[in-house]
Amino acid sequence: MSLPKNEKTDYFFKAILSLRDTEECYRFFEDVCTPDEVKELARRMQTAKMLYHNHVYSAVAEETGLSVATISRVSRCLKYGSGGYYTVLERLEKKK
């Protein structure tokens, strides 16, 4: 399933891209999402990072608290998705 490519979605992504630092991200996402939604997105990103570094599902589940089904979905996105996770993970790895 692809995201809708339209003016509204573009505007939302441009808003995210306009954020200058982590503190601005915290403030924006606090207004846009519930705390649970942000926690879920963060756990999925942590899952992607762990799978990228070849951690096994059981370790990912223990660390993130996510279900095996969600971990499997993230894994499928890493392997067969649009490359979004890899783009971000590789950029973050270079910044280390």
PDB file of N, CA and C in Angstrom:
ATOM      1  N   MET A   1       0.842  -1.174   0.000  1.00  0.00           N
ATOM      2  CA  MET A   1       0.000   0.000   0.000  1.00  0.00           C
ATOM      3  C   MET A   1       0.890   1.241   0.000  1.00  0.00           C
ATOM      4  N   SER A   2       0.667   2.088  -0.944  1.00  0.00           N
ATOM      5  CA  SER A   2       1.452   3.312  -1.056  1.00  0.00           C
ATOM      6  C   SER A   2       0.766   4.465  -0.359  1.00  0.00           C
ATOM      7  N   LEU A   3       1.563   5.406   0.078  1.00  0.00           N
ATOM      8  CA  LEU A   3       1.020   6.627   0.668  1.00  0.00           C
ATOM      9  C   LEU A   3       0.379   7.473  -0.423  1.00  0.00           C
ATOM     10  N   PRO A   4      -0.659   8.212  -0.079  1.00  0.00           N
ATOM     11  CA  PRO A   4      -1.266   9.083  -1.088  1.00  0.00           C
ATOM     12  C   PRO A   4      -0.322  10.238  -1.426  1.00  0.00           C
ATOM     13  N   LYS A   5      -0.028  10.406  -2.688  1.00  0.00           N
ATOM     14  CA  LYS A   5       0.806  11.529  -3.120  1.00  0.00           C
ATOM     15  C   LYS A   5      -0.127  12.647  -3.562  1.00  0.00           C
ATOM     16  N   ASN A   6      -0.245  13.629  -2.678  1.00  0.00           N
ATOM     17  CA  ASN A   6      -1.115  14.755  -2.973  1.00  0.00           C
ATOM     18  C   ASN A   6      -0.614  15.979  -2.217  1.00  0.00           C
ATOM     19  N   GLU A   7      -1.267  17.107  -2.426  1.00  0.00           N
ATOM     20  CA  GLU A   7      -0.840  18.359  -1.803  1.00  0.00           C
ATOM     21  C   GLU A   7      -0.828  18.289  -0.282  1.00  0.00           C
ATOM     22  N   LYS A   8      -1.824  17.656   0.305  1.00  0.00           N
ATOM     23  CA  LYS A   8      -1.917  17.579   1.763  1.00  0.00           C
ATOM     24  C   LYS A   8      -0.761  16.773   2.354  1.00  0.00           C
ATOM     25  N   THR A   9      -0.473  15.638   1.751  1.00  0.00           N
ATOM     26  CA  THR A   9       0.629  14.819   2.230  1.00  0.00           C
ATOM     27  C   THR A   9       1.959  15.528   1.998  1.00  0.00           C
ATOM     28  N   ASP A  10       2.113  16.137   0.823  1.00  0.00           N
ATOM     29  CA  ASP A  10       3.327  16.911   0.544  1.00  0.00           C
ATOM     30  C   ASP A  10       3.537  18.001   1.589  1.00  0.00           C
ATOM     31  N   TYR A  11       2.472  18.703   1.939  1.00  0.00           N
ATOM     32  CA  TYR A  11       2.576  19.789   2.912  1.00  0.00           C
ATOM     33  C   TYR A  11       3.004  19.263   4.279  1.00  0.00           C
ATOM     34  N   PHE A  12       2.447  18.127   4.663  1.00  0.00           N
ATOM     35  CA  PHE A  12       2.820  17.504   5.930  1.00  0.00           C
ATOM     36  C   PHE A  12       4.301  17.133   5.937  1.00  0.00           C
ATOM     37  N   PHE A  13       4.780  16.506   4.870  1.00  0.00           N
ATOM     38  CA  PHE A  13       6.192  16.124   4.800  1.00  0.00           C
ATOM     39  C   PHE A  13       7.104  17.348   4.757  1.00  0.00           C
ATOM     40  N   LYS A  14       6.687  18.379   4.067  1.00  0.00           N
ATOM     41  CA  LYS A  14       7.478  19.615   4.044  1.00  0.00           C
ATOM     42  C   LYS A  14       7.552  20.227   5.440  1.00  0.00           C
ATOM     43  N   ALA A  15       6.472  20.101   6.190  1.00  0.00           N
ATOM     44  CA  ALA A  15       6.484  20.585   7.577  1.00  0.00           C
ATOM     45  C   ALA A  15       7.541  19.831   8.387  1.00  0.00           C
ATOM     46  N   ILE A  16       7.588  18.524   8.227  1.00  0.00           N
ATOM     47  CA  ILE A  16       8.588  17.723   8.942  1.00  0.00           C
ATOM     48  C   ILE A  16       9.998  18.115   8.503  1.00  0.00           C
ATOM     49  N   LEU A  17      10.185  18.273   7.220  1.00  0.00           N
ATOM     50  CA  LEU A  17      11.505  18.640   6.703  1.00  0.00           C
ATOM     51  C   LEU A  17      11.948  20.035   7.150  1.00  0.00           C
ATOM     52  N   SER A  18      11.003  20.862   7.557  1.00  0.00           N
ATOM     53  CA  SER A  18      11.356  22.213   8.006  1.00  0.00           C
ATOM     54  C   SER A  18      11.889  22.235   9.441  1.00  0.00           C
ATOM     55  N   LEU A  19      11.710  21.135  10.171  1.00  0.00           N
ATOM     56  CA  LEU A  19      12.169  21.080  11.559  1.00  0.00           C
ATOM     57  C   LEU A  19      13.691  21.088  11.597  1.00  0.00           C
ATOM     58  N   ARG A  20      14.249  21.886  12.509  1.00  0.00           N
ATOM     59  CA  ARG A  20      15.694  22.121  12.512  1.00  0.00           C
ATOM     60  C   ARG A  20      16.485  21.250  13.483  1.00  0.00           C
ATOM     61  N   ASP A  21      15.817  20.755  14.530  1.00  0.00           N
ATOM     62  CA  ASP A  21      16.559  19.957  15.503  1.00  0.00           C
ATOM     63  C   ASP A  21      15.594  19.040  16.257  1.00  0.00           C
ATOM     64  N   THR A  22      16.165  18.228  17.124  1.00  0.00           N
ATOM     65  CA  THR A  22      15.370  17.256  17.869  1.00  0.00           C
ATOM     66  C   THR A  22      14.321  17.933  18.738  1.00  0.00           C
ATOM     67  N   GLU A  23      14.677  19.036  19.358  1.00  0.00           N
ATOM     68  CA  GLU A  23      13.716  19.746  20.218  1.00  0.00           C
ATOM     69  C   GLU A  23      12.507  20.215  19.414  1.00  0.00           C
ATOM     70  N   GLU A  24      12.725  20.732  18.213  1.00  0.00           N
ATOM     71  CA  GLU A  24      11.602  21.129  17.360  1.00  0.00           C
ATOM     72  C   GLU A  24      10.760  19.918  16.981  1.00  0.00           C
ATOM     73  N   CYS A  25      11.410  18.783  16.757  1.00  0.00           N
ATOM     74  CA  CYS A  25      10.673  17.550  16.456  1.00  0.00           C
ATOM     75  C   CYS A  25       9.781  17.149  17.626  1.00  0.00           C
ATOM     76  N   TYR A  26      10.343  17.203  18.828  1.00  0.00           N
ATOM     77  CA  TYR A  26       9.536  16.882  20.011  1.00  0.00           C
ATOM     78  C   TYR A  26       8.297  17.778  20.080  1.00  0.00           C
ATOM     79  N   ARG A  27       8.488  19.071  19.895  1.00  0.00           N
ATOM     80  CA  ARG A  27       7.362  20.009  20.004  1.00  0.00           C
ATOM     81  C   ARG A  27       6.330  19.771  18.906  1.00  0.00           C
ATOM     82  N   PHE A  28       6.787  19.552  17.677  1.00  0.00           N
ATOM     83  CA  PHE A  28       5.867  19.327  16.565  1.00  0.00           C
ATOM     84  C   PHE A  28       5.070  18.038  16.764  1.00  0.00           C
ATOM     85  N   PHE A  29       5.783  16.944  17.047  1.00  0.00           N
ATOM     86  CA  PHE A  29       5.092  15.661  17.167  1.00  0.00           C
ATOM     87  C   PHE A  29       4.220  15.583  18.418  1.00  0.00           C
ATOM     88  N   GLU A  30       4.554  16.354  19.432  1.00  0.00           N
ATOM     89  CA  GLU A  30       3.676  16.422  20.599  1.00  0.00           C
ATOM     90  C   GLU A  30       2.331  17.032  20.218  1.00  0.00           C
ATOM     91  N   ASP A  31       2.364  17.985  19.303  1.00  0.00           N
ATOM     92  CA  ASP A  31       1.120  18.610  18.839  1.00  0.00           C
ATOM     93  C   ASP A  31       0.381  17.744  17.820  1.00  0.00           C
ATOM     94  N   VAL A  32       1.121  16.999  17.003  1.00  0.00           N
ATOM     95  CA  VAL A  32       0.523  16.271  15.881  1.00  0.00           C
ATOM     96  C   VAL A  32       0.050  14.870  16.270  1.00  0.00           C
ATOM     97  N   CYS A  33       0.781  14.217  17.152  1.00  0.00           N
ATOM     98  CA  CYS A  33       0.499  12.816  17.497  1.00  0.00           C
ATOM     99  C   CYS A  33       0.228  12.672  18.988  1.00  0.00           C
ATOM    100  N   THR A  34      -0.382  11.551  19.320  1.00  0.00           N
ATOM    101  CA  THR A  34      -0.502  11.201  20.725  1.00  0.00           C
ATOM    102  C   THR A  34       0.845  10.645  21.177  1.00  0.00           C
ATOM    103  N   PRO A  35       1.119  10.655  22.481  1.00  0.00           N
ATOM    104  CA  PRO A  35       2.369  10.042  22.960  1.00  0.00           C
ATOM    105  C   PRO A  35       2.501   8.578  22.532  1.00  0.00           C
ATOM    106  N   ASP A  36       1.397   7.833  22.537  1.00  0.00           N
ATOM    107  CA  ASP A  36       1.456   6.426  22.135  1.00  0.00           C
ATOM    108  C   ASP A  36       1.806   6.273  20.658  1.00  0.00           C
ATOM    109  N   GLU A  37       1.317   7.170  19.809  1.00  0.00           N
ATOM    110  CA  GLU A  37       1.660   7.102  18.386  1.00  0.00           C
ATOM    111  C   GLU A  37       3.149   7.347  18.166  1.00  0.00           C
ATOM    112  N   VAL A  38       3.700   8.318  18.863  1.00  0.00           N
ATOM    113  CA  VAL A  38       5.133   8.596  18.734  1.00  0.00           C
ATOM    114  C   VAL A  38       5.941   7.421  19.277  1.00  0.00           C
ATOM    115  N   LYS A  39       5.520   6.859  20.411  1.00  0.00           N
ATOM    116  CA  LYS A  39       6.220   5.696  20.969  1.00  0.00           C
ATOM    117  C   LYS A  39       6.214   4.531  19.987  1.00  0.00           C
ATOM    118  N   GLU A  40       5.083   4.316  19.320  1.00  0.00           N
ATOM    119  CA  GLU A  40       4.979   3.221  18.345  1.00  0.00           C
ATOM    120  C   GLU A  40       5.919   3.452  17.167  1.00  0.00           C
ATOM    121  N   LEU A  41       5.958   4.666  16.653  1.00  0.00           N
ATOM    122  CA  LEU A  41       6.868   4.977  15.549  1.00  0.00           C
ATOM    123  C   LEU A  41       8.326   4.792  15.983  1.00  0.00           C
ATOM    124  N   ALA A  42       8.644   5.225  17.190  1.00  0.00           N
ATOM    125  CA  ALA A  42      10.007   5.081  17.708  1.00  0.00           C
ATOM    126  C   ALA A  42      10.371   3.610  17.871  1.00  0.00           C
ATOM    127  N   ARG A  43       9.431   2.797  18.339  1.00  0.00           N
ATOM    128  CA  ARG A  43       9.703   1.366  18.502  1.00  0.00           C
ATOM    129  C   ARG A  43       9.918   0.690  17.149  1.00  0.00           C
ATOM    130  N   ARG A  44       9.171   1.114  16.143  1.00  0.00           N
ATOM    131  CA  ARG A  44       9.364   0.547  14.800  1.00  0.00           C
ATOM    132  C   ARG A  44      10.724   0.939  14.234  1.00  0.00           C
ATOM    133  N   MET A  45      11.135   2.184  14.489  1.00  0.00           N
ATOM    134  CA  MET A  45      12.445   2.615  14.023  1.00  0.00           C
ATOM    135  C   MET A  45      13.547   1.846  14.728  1.00  0.00           C
ATOM    136  N   GLN A  46      13.388   1.632  16.037  1.00  0.00           N
ATOM    137  CA  GLN A  46      14.349   0.832  16.805  1.00  0.00           C
ATOM    138  C   GLN A  46      14.398  -0.594  16.266  1.00  0.00           C
ATOM    139  N   THR A  47      13.244  -1.135  15.906  1.00  0.00           N
ATOM    140  CA  THR A  47      13.175  -2.470  15.325  1.00  0.00           C
ATOM    141  C   THR A  47      13.947  -2.520  14.010  1.00  0.00           C
ATOM    142  N   ALA A  48      13.736  -1.530  13.165  1.00  0.00           N
ATOM    143  CA  ALA A  48      14.448  -1.482  11.886  1.00  0.00           C
ATOM    144  C   ALA A  48      15.954  -1.418  12.116  1.00  0.00           C
ATOM    145  N   LYS A  49      16.367  -0.607  13.076  1.00  0.00           N
ATOM    146  CA  LYS A  49      17.793  -0.485  13.392  1.00  0.00           C
ATOM    147  C   LYS A  49      18.362  -1.831  13.858  1.00  0.00           C
ATOM    148  N   MET A  50      17.632  -2.504  14.732  1.00  0.00           N
ATOM    149  CA  MET A  50      18.118  -3.784  15.243  1.00  0.00           C
ATOM    150  C   MET A  50      18.175  -4.842  14.135  1.00  0.00           C
ATOM    151  N   LEU A  51      17.150  -4.884  13.279  1.00  0.00           N
ATOM    152  CA  LEU A  51      17.160  -5.845  12.178  1.00  0.00           C
ATOM    153  C   LEU A  51      18.271  -5.519  11.180  1.00  0.00           C
ATOM    154  N   TYR A  52      18.496  -4.248  10.947  1.00  0.00           N
ATOM    155  CA  TYR A  52      19.586  -3.780  10.073  1.00  0.00           C
ATOM    156  C   TYR A  52      20.929  -4.299  10.582  1.00  0.00           C
ATOM    157  N   HIS A  53      21.048  -4.398  11.919  1.00  0.00           N
ATOM    158  CA  HIS A  53      22.270  -4.901  12.543  1.00  0.00           C
ATOM    159  C   HIS A  53      22.187  -6.402  12.853  1.00  0.00           C
ATOM    160  N   ASN A  54      21.242  -7.077  12.187  1.00  0.00           N
ATOM    161  CA  ASN A  54      21.119  -8.544  12.224  1.00  0.00           C
ATOM    162  C   ASN A  54      20.754  -9.126  13.586  1.00  0.00           C
ATOM    163  N   HIS A  55      20.018  -8.395  14.398  1.00  0.00           N
ATOM    164  CA  HIS A  55      19.508  -8.965  15.644  1.00  0.00           C
ATOM    165  C   HIS A  55      18.379  -9.938  15.321  1.00  0.00           C
ATOM    166  N   VAL A  56      18.234 -10.957  16.129  1.00  0.00           N
ATOM    167  CA  VAL A  56      17.167 -11.937  15.935  1.00  0.00           C
ATOM    168  C   VAL A  56      15.852 -11.390  16.488  1.00  0.00           C
ATOM    169  N   TYR A  57      14.751 -11.933  15.966  1.00  0.00           N
ATOM    170  CA  TYR A  57      13.430 -11.455  16.353  1.00  0.00           C
ATOM    171  C   TYR A  57      13.214 -11.466  17.863  1.00  0.00           C
ATOM    172  N   SER A  58      13.673 -12.523  18.534  1.00  0.00           N
ATOM    173  CA  SER A  58      13.436 -12.621  19.977  1.00  0.00           C
ATOM    174  C   SER A  58      14.115 -11.469  20.718  1.00  0.00           C
ATOM    175  N   ALA A  59      15.305 -11.085  20.302  1.00  0.00           N
ATOM    176  CA  ALA A  59      16.002  -9.953  20.936  1.00  0.00           C
ATOM    177  C   ALA A  59      15.285  -8.644  20.638  1.00  0.00           C
ATOM    178  N   VAL A  60      14.795  -8.517  19.409  1.00  0.00           N
ATOM    179  CA  VAL A  60      14.057  -7.308  19.036  1.00  0.00           C
ATOM    180  C   VAL A  60      12.771  -7.202  19.845  1.00  0.00           C
ATOM    181  N   ALA A  61      12.055  -8.310  19.962  1.00  0.00           N
ATOM    182  CA  ALA A  61      10.805  -8.316  20.726  1.00  0.00           C
ATOM    183  C   ALA A  61      11.057  -7.955  22.186  1.00  0.00           C
ATOM    184  N   GLU A  62      12.118  -8.509  22.759  1.00  0.00           N
ATOM    185  CA  GLU A  62      12.430  -8.226  24.160  1.00  0.00           C
ATOM    186  C   GLU A  62      12.795  -6.753  24.354  1.00  0.00           C
ATOM    187  N   GLU A  63      13.582  -6.208  23.446  1.00  0.00           N
ATOM    188  CA  GLU A  63      14.043  -4.817  23.554  1.00  0.00           C
ATOM    189  C   GLU A  63      12.932  -3.805  23.296  1.00  0.00           C
ATOM    190  N   THR A  64      12.087  -4.082  22.286  1.00  0.00           N
ATOM    191  CA  THR A  64      11.093  -3.090  21.856  1.00  0.00           C
ATOM    192  C   THR A  64       9.700  -3.310  22.443  1.00  0.00           C
ATOM    193  N   GLY A  65       9.408  -4.541  22.814  1.00  0.00           N
ATOM    194  CA  GLY A  65       8.067  -4.858  23.284  1.00  0.00           C
ATOM    195  C   GLY A  65       7.059  -5.033  22.163  1.00  0.00           C
ATOM    196  N   LEU A  66       7.531  -5.052  20.925  1.00  0.00           N
ATOM    197  CA  LEU A  66       6.634  -5.228  19.785  1.00  0.00           C
ATOM    198  C   LEU A  66       6.320  -6.693  19.560  1.00  0.00           C
ATOM    199  N   SER A  67       5.190  -6.941  18.926  1.00  0.00           N
ATOM    200  CA  SER A  67       4.806  -8.316  18.602  1.00  0.00           C
ATOM    201  C   SER A  67       5.658  -8.829  17.445  1.00  0.00           C
ATOM    202  N   VAL A  68       5.723 -10.142  17.327  1.00  0.00           N
ATOM    203  CA  VAL A  68       6.450 -10.758  16.225  1.00  0.00           C
ATOM    204  C   VAL A  68       5.824 -10.337  14.895  1.00  0.00           C
ATOM    205  N   ALA A  69       4.517 -10.151  14.858  1.00  0.00           N
ATOM    206  CA  ALA A  69       3.848  -9.717  13.623  1.00  0.00           C
ATOM    207  C   ALA A  69       4.336  -8.336  13.189  1.00  0.00           C
ATOM    208  N   THR A  70       4.469  -7.427  14.136  1.00  0.00           N
ATOM    209  CA  THR A  70       4.948  -6.083  13.800  1.00  0.00           C
ATOM    210  C   THR A  70       6.415  -6.124  13.397  1.00  0.00           C
ATOM    211  N   ILE A  71       7.206  -6.908  14.098  1.00  0.00           N
ATOM    212  CA  ILE A  71       8.619  -7.056  13.753  1.00  0.00           C
ATOM    213  C   ILE A  71       8.746  -7.630  12.343  1.00  0.00           C
ATOM    214  N   SER A  72       7.915  -8.601  12.034  1.00  0.00           N
ATOM    215  CA  SER A  72       7.920  -9.211  10.707  1.00  0.00           C
ATOM    216  C   SER A  72       7.550  -8.184   9.631  1.00  0.00           C
ATOM    217  N   ARG A  73       6.602  -7.319   9.933  1.00  0.00           N
ATOM    218  CA  ARG A  73       6.203  -6.283   8.982  1.00  0.00           C
ATOM    219  C   ARG A  73       7.364  -5.333   8.723  1.00  0.00           C
ATOM    220  N   VAL A  74       8.048  -4.908   9.778  1.00  0.00           N
ATOM    221  CA  VAL A  74       9.208  -4.027   9.614  1.00  0.00           C
ATOM    222  C   VAL A  74      10.281  -4.741   8.793  1.00  0.00           C
ATOM    223  N   SER A  75      10.496  -6.011   9.070  1.00  0.00           N
ATOM    224  CA  SER A  75      11.481  -6.797   8.332  1.00  0.00           C
ATOM    225  C   SER A  75      11.129  -6.856   6.847  1.00  0.00           C
ATOM    226  N   ARG A  76       9.853  -7.091   6.534  1.00  0.00           N
ATOM    227  CA  ARG A  76       9.418  -7.112   5.130  1.00  0.00           C
ATOM    228  C   ARG A  76       9.663  -5.762   4.462  1.00  0.00           C
ATOM    229  N   CYS A  77       9.396  -4.675   5.205  1.00  0.00           N
ATOM    230  CA  CYS A  77       9.642  -3.338   4.651  1.00  0.00           C
ATOM    231  C   CYS A  77      11.125  -3.124   4.384  1.00  0.00           C
ATOM    232  N   LEU A  78      11.974  -3.622   5.274  1.00  0.00           N
ATOM    233  CA  LEU A  78      13.420  -3.519   5.055  1.00  0.00           C
ATOM    234  C   LEU A  78      13.839  -4.293   3.801  1.00  0.00           C
ATOM    235  N   LYS A  79      13.285  -5.482   3.631  1.00  0.00           N
ATOM    236  CA  LYS A  79      13.692  -6.340   2.520  1.00  0.00           C
ATOM    237  C   LYS A  79      13.031  -5.973   1.194  1.00  0.00           C
ATOM    238  N   TYR A  80      11.737  -5.629   1.245  1.00  0.00           N
ATOM    239  CA  TYR A  80      10.976  -5.481   0.002  1.00  0.00           C
ATOM    240  C   TYR A  80      10.274  -4.133  -0.142  1.00  0.00           C
ATOM    241  N   GLY A  81      10.495  -3.238   0.807  1.00  0.00           N
ATOM    242  CA  GLY A  81       9.797  -1.954   0.792  1.00  0.00           C
ATOM    243  C   GLY A  81      10.407  -0.972  -0.185  1.00  0.00           C
ATOM    244  N   SER A  82      10.103   0.275   0.012  1.00  0.00           N
ATOM    245  CA  SER A  82      10.542   1.325  -0.910  1.00  0.00           C
ATOM    246  C   SER A  82      11.939   1.847  -0.603  1.00  0.00           C
ATOM    247  N   GLY A  83      12.577   1.321   0.436  1.00  0.00           N
ATOM    248  CA  GLY A  83      13.942   1.726   0.763  1.00  0.00           C
ATOM    249  C   GLY A  83      14.026   2.861   1.769  1.00  0.00           C
ATOM    250  N   GLY A  84      12.896   3.267   2.301  1.00  0.00           N
ATOM    251  CA  GLY A  84      12.876   4.377   3.249  1.00  0.00           C
ATOM    252  C   GLY A  84      13.666   4.109   4.518  1.00  0.00           C
ATOM    253  N   TYR A  85      13.475   2.934   5.088  1.00  0.00           N
ATOM    254  CA  TYR A  85      14.234   2.600   6.295  1.00  0.00           C
ATOM    255  C   TYR A  85      15.733   2.628   6.003  1.00  0.00           C
ATOM    256  N   TYR A  86      16.145   2.004   4.884  1.00  0.00           N
ATOM    257  CA  TYR A  86      17.567   1.955   4.567  1.00  0.00           C
ATOM    258  C   TYR A  86      18.154   3.342   4.352  1.00  0.00           C
ATOM    259  N   THR A  87      17.421   4.213   3.703  1.00  0.00           N
ATOM    260  CA  THR A  87      17.908   5.574   3.481  1.00  0.00           C
ATOM    261  C   THR A  87      18.231   6.237   4.813  1.00  0.00           C
ATOM    262  N   VAL A  88      17.297   6.156   5.740  1.00  0.00           N
ATOM    263  CA  VAL A  88      17.477   6.796   7.042  1.00  0.00           C
ATOM    264  C   VAL A  88      18.558   6.105   7.860  1.00  0.00           C
ATOM    265  N   LEU A  89      18.517   4.781   7.914  1.00  0.00           N
ATOM    266  CA  LEU A  89      19.497   4.045   8.714  1.00  0.00           C
ATOM    267  C   LEU A  89      20.924   4.270   8.217  1.00  0.00           C
ATOM    268  N   GLU A  90      21.114   4.242   6.918  1.00  0.00           N
ATOM    269  CA  GLU A  90      22.453   4.463   6.389  1.00  0.00           C
ATOM    270  C   GLU A  90      22.951   5.883   6.673  1.00  0.00           C
ATOM    271  N   ARG A  91      22.076   6.852   6.585  1.00  0.00           N
ATOM    272  CA  ARG A  91      22.470   8.229   6.908  1.00  0.00           C
ATOM    273  C   ARG A  91      22.810   8.376   8.380  1.00  0.00           C
ATOM    274  N   LEU A  92      22.017   7.762   9.234  1.00  0.00           N
ATOM    275  CA  LEU A  92      22.296   7.831  10.665  1.00  0.00           C
ATOM    276  C   LEU A  92      23.596   7.112  11.013  1.00  0.00           C
ATOM    277  N   GLU A  93      23.864   6.003  10.362  1.00  0.00           N
ATOM    278  CA  GLU A  93      25.107   5.259  10.609  1.00  0.00           C
ATOM    279  C   GLU A  93      26.319   6.092  10.217  1.00  0.00           C
ATOM    280  N   LYS A  94      26.222   6.848   9.152  1.00  0.00           N
ATOM    281  CA  LYS A  94      27.337   7.702   8.705  1.00  0.00           C
ATOM    282  C   LYS A  94      27.627   8.821   9.679  1.00  0.00           C
ATOM    283  N   LYS A  95      26.606   9.251  10.445  1.00  0.00           N
ATOM    284  CA  LYS A  95      26.773  10.350  11.382  1.00  0.00           C
ATOM    285  C   LYS A  95      27.432   9.930  12.680  1.00  0.00           C
ATOM    286  N   LYS A  96      27.572   8.632  12.895  1.00  0.00           N
ATOM    287  CA  LYS A  96      28.161   8.127  14.151  1.00  0.00           C
ATOM    288  C   LYS A  96      29.566   8.621  14.334  1.00  0.00           C
TER     289      LYS A  96
END
